[in-house]
Amino acid sequence: MRGKKSLTKSDFLMSYRNTRWTENEKALLDLLYLGGCSEIDAILPFSKKDNDSTIINEDITPTLSPKDPAFPAWWEEHKAEWEAD
């Protein structure tokens, strides 16, 4: 992974709107497991010795759903990043 950012399970339980989106830790871990394959290189397994934390690739760009009411303003601010080249 090029850029790295350490996150805990608690960080993943919160949505980008800072609301808890699940109480089901198993569902969360199942979802995160999908990003752990070497072809994607998005997230490393959680480490018990490092306070249940993981490393996420900082090259992953967070986005909003086009159905989100905040999307139009977000898109105006970020569309150049997506339309470049």
C-alpha atoms as a PDB file:
ATOM      1  CA  MET A   1       0.000   0.000   0.000  1.00  0.00           C
ATOM      2  CA  ARG A   2       1.300   3.434  -0.852  1.00  0.00           C
ATOM      3  CA  GLY A   3      -0.468   5.833   1.495  1.00  0.00           C
ATOM      4  CA  LYS A   4      -1.696   4.350   4.769  1.00  0.00           C
ATOM      5  CA  LYS A   5      -4.147   5.406   7.452  1.00  0.00           C
ATOM      6  CA  SER A   6      -4.800   3.443  10.650  1.00  0.00           C
ATOM      7  CA  LEU A   7      -8.462   2.929  11.608  1.00  0.00           C
ATOM      8  CA  THR A   8     -10.274   0.924  14.294  1.00  0.00           C
ATOM      9  CA  LYS A   9     -13.480  -1.097  14.025  1.00  0.00           C
ATOM     10  CA  SER A  10     -15.273   1.763  15.768  1.00  0.00           C
ATOM     11  CA  ASP A  11     -14.256   4.100  12.929  1.00  0.00           C
ATOM     12  CA  PHE A  12     -16.006   1.827  10.433  1.00  0.00           C
ATOM     13  CA  LEU A  13     -19.223   1.692  12.463  1.00  0.00           C
ATOM     14  CA  MET A  14     -19.871   5.393  11.787  1.00  0.00           C
ATOM     15  CA  SER A  15     -21.211   6.724   8.494  1.00  0.00           C
ATOM     16  CA  TYR A  16     -19.830   9.797   6.769  1.00  0.00           C
ATOM     17  CA  ARG A  17     -22.717  11.690   8.379  1.00  0.00           C
ATOM     18  CA  ASN A  18     -21.341  10.653  11.780  1.00  0.00           C
ATOM     19  CA  THR A  19     -24.239   8.324  12.579  1.00  0.00           C
ATOM     20  CA  ARG A  20     -23.866   4.682  13.550  1.00  0.00           C
ATOM     21  CA  TRP A  21     -24.987   2.607  10.567  1.00  0.00           C
ATOM     22  CA  THR A  22     -24.857  -0.855  12.173  1.00  0.00           C
ATOM     23  CA  GLU A  23     -24.728  -2.565  15.558  1.00  0.00           C
ATOM     24  CA  ASN A  24     -23.756  -5.860  13.930  1.00  0.00           C
ATOM     25  CA  GLU A  25     -19.968  -6.231  14.167  1.00  0.00           C
ATOM     26  CA  LYS A  26     -20.001  -9.489  12.196  1.00  0.00           C
ATOM     27  CA  ALA A  27     -21.747  -7.810   9.256  1.00  0.00           C
ATOM     28  CA  LEU A  28     -19.191  -5.008   9.419  1.00  0.00           C
ATOM     29  CA  LEU A  29     -16.262  -7.433   9.394  1.00  0.00           C
ATOM     30  CA  ASP A  30     -17.819  -9.422   6.536  1.00  0.00           C
ATOM     31  CA  LEU A  31     -18.116  -6.220   4.512  1.00  0.00           C
ATOM     32  CA  LEU A  32     -14.541  -5.143   5.317  1.00  0.00           C
ATOM     33  CA  TYR A  33     -13.293  -8.609   4.427  1.00  0.00           C
ATOM     34  CA  LEU A  34     -14.357  -7.937   0.828  1.00  0.00           C
ATOM     35  CA  GLY A  35     -11.814  -5.086   0.650  1.00  0.00           C
ATOM     36  CA  GLY A  36      -9.017  -7.274   1.982  1.00  0.00           C
ATOM     37  CA  CYS A  37      -8.152  -9.222  -1.160  1.00  0.00           C
ATOM     38  CA  SER A  38      -4.719  -8.562  -2.620  1.00  0.00           C
ATOM     39  CA  GLU A  39      -6.122  -7.533  -6.017  1.00  0.00           C
ATOM     40  CA  ILE A  40      -7.890  -4.539  -4.463  1.00  0.00           C
ATOM     41  CA  ASP A  41      -5.256  -3.707  -1.830  1.00  0.00           C
ATOM     42  CA  ALA A  42      -7.765  -1.555   0.031  1.00  0.00           C
ATOM     43  CA  ILE A  43      -7.571  -2.756   3.627  1.00  0.00           C
ATOM     44  CA  LEU A  44      -5.367  -5.008   5.745  1.00  0.00           C
ATOM     45  CA  PRO A  45      -6.708  -7.500   8.329  1.00  0.00           C
ATOM     46  CA  PHE A  46      -7.418  -6.146  11.813  1.00  0.00           C
ATOM     47  CA  SER A  47      -4.626  -6.521  14.349  1.00  0.00           C
ATOM     48  CA  LYS A  48      -5.483  -7.427  17.955  1.00  0.00           C
ATOM     49  CA  LYS A  49      -2.040  -6.292  19.134  1.00  0.00           C
ATOM     50  CA  ASP A  50      -2.633  -2.828  17.642  1.00  0.00           C
ATOM     51  CA  ASN A  51      -5.913  -2.161  19.495  1.00  0.00           C
ATOM     52  CA  ASP A  52      -8.130  -3.852  16.878  1.00  0.00           C
ATOM     53  CA  SER A  53      -6.930  -1.501  14.159  1.00  0.00           C
ATOM     54  CA  THR A  54      -6.280  -1.901  10.465  1.00  0.00           C
ATOM     55  CA  ILE A  55      -4.555   0.022   7.711  1.00  0.00           C
ATOM     56  CA  ILE A  56      -6.589   1.434   4.829  1.00  0.00           C
ATOM     57  CA  ASN A  57      -5.095   2.606   1.548  1.00  0.00           C
ATOM     58  CA  GLU A  58      -5.236   6.417   1.381  1.00  0.00           C
ATOM     59  CA  ASP A  59      -5.400   6.240  -2.421  1.00  0.00           C
ATOM     60  CA  ILE A  60      -9.063   5.266  -2.033  1.00  0.00           C
ATOM     61  CA  THR A  61     -11.176   8.330  -2.720  1.00  0.00           C
ATOM     62  CA  PRO A  62     -14.347   8.684  -0.643  1.00  0.00           C
ATOM     63  CA  THR A  63     -17.452   9.624  -2.610  1.00  0.00           C
ATOM     64  CA  LEU A  64     -21.147  10.253  -2.084  1.00  0.00           C
ATOM     65  CA  SER A  65     -24.012   8.447  -3.724  1.00  0.00           C
ATOM     66  CA  PRO A  66     -25.671  10.456  -6.512  1.00  0.00           C
ATOM     67  CA  LYS A  67     -28.913   9.860  -4.568  1.00  0.00           C
ATOM     68  CA  ASP A  68     -27.520  11.682  -1.504  1.00  0.00           C
ATOM     69  CA  PRO A  69     -28.970  15.199  -1.163  1.00  0.00           C
ATOM     70  CA  ALA A  70     -25.440  16.493  -0.520  1.00  0.00           C
ATOM     71  CA  PHE A  71     -24.129  15.003  -3.789  1.00  0.00           C
ATOM     72  CA  PRO A  72     -24.606  18.041  -6.108  1.00  0.00           C
ATOM     73  CA  ALA A  73     -22.506  20.314  -3.874  1.00  0.00           C
ATOM     74  CA  TRP A  74     -19.917  17.573  -3.341  1.00  0.00           C
ATOM     75  CA  TRP A  75     -19.720  16.900  -7.088  1.00  0.00           C
ATOM     76  CA  GLU A  76     -19.177  20.583  -7.919  1.00  0.00           C
ATOM     77  CA  GLU A  77     -16.285  20.650  -5.470  1.00  0.00           C
ATOM     78  CA  HIS A  78     -14.692  17.365  -6.633  1.00  0.00           C
ATOM     79  CA  LYS A  79     -15.641  16.771 -10.274  1.00  0.00           C
ATOM     80  CA  ALA A  80     -12.298  18.021 -11.603  1.00  0.00           C
ATOM     81  CA  GLU A  81     -10.587  15.169  -9.740  1.00  0.00           C
ATOM     82  CA  TRP A  82     -12.776  12.640 -11.587  1.00  0.00           C
ATOM     83  CA  GLU A  83     -12.828  14.255 -15.024  1.00  0.00           C
ATOM     84  CA  ALA A  84      -9.059  14.878 -15.264  1.00  0.00           C
ATOM     85  CA  ASP A  85      -7.307  13.097 -18.145  1.00  0.00           C
END
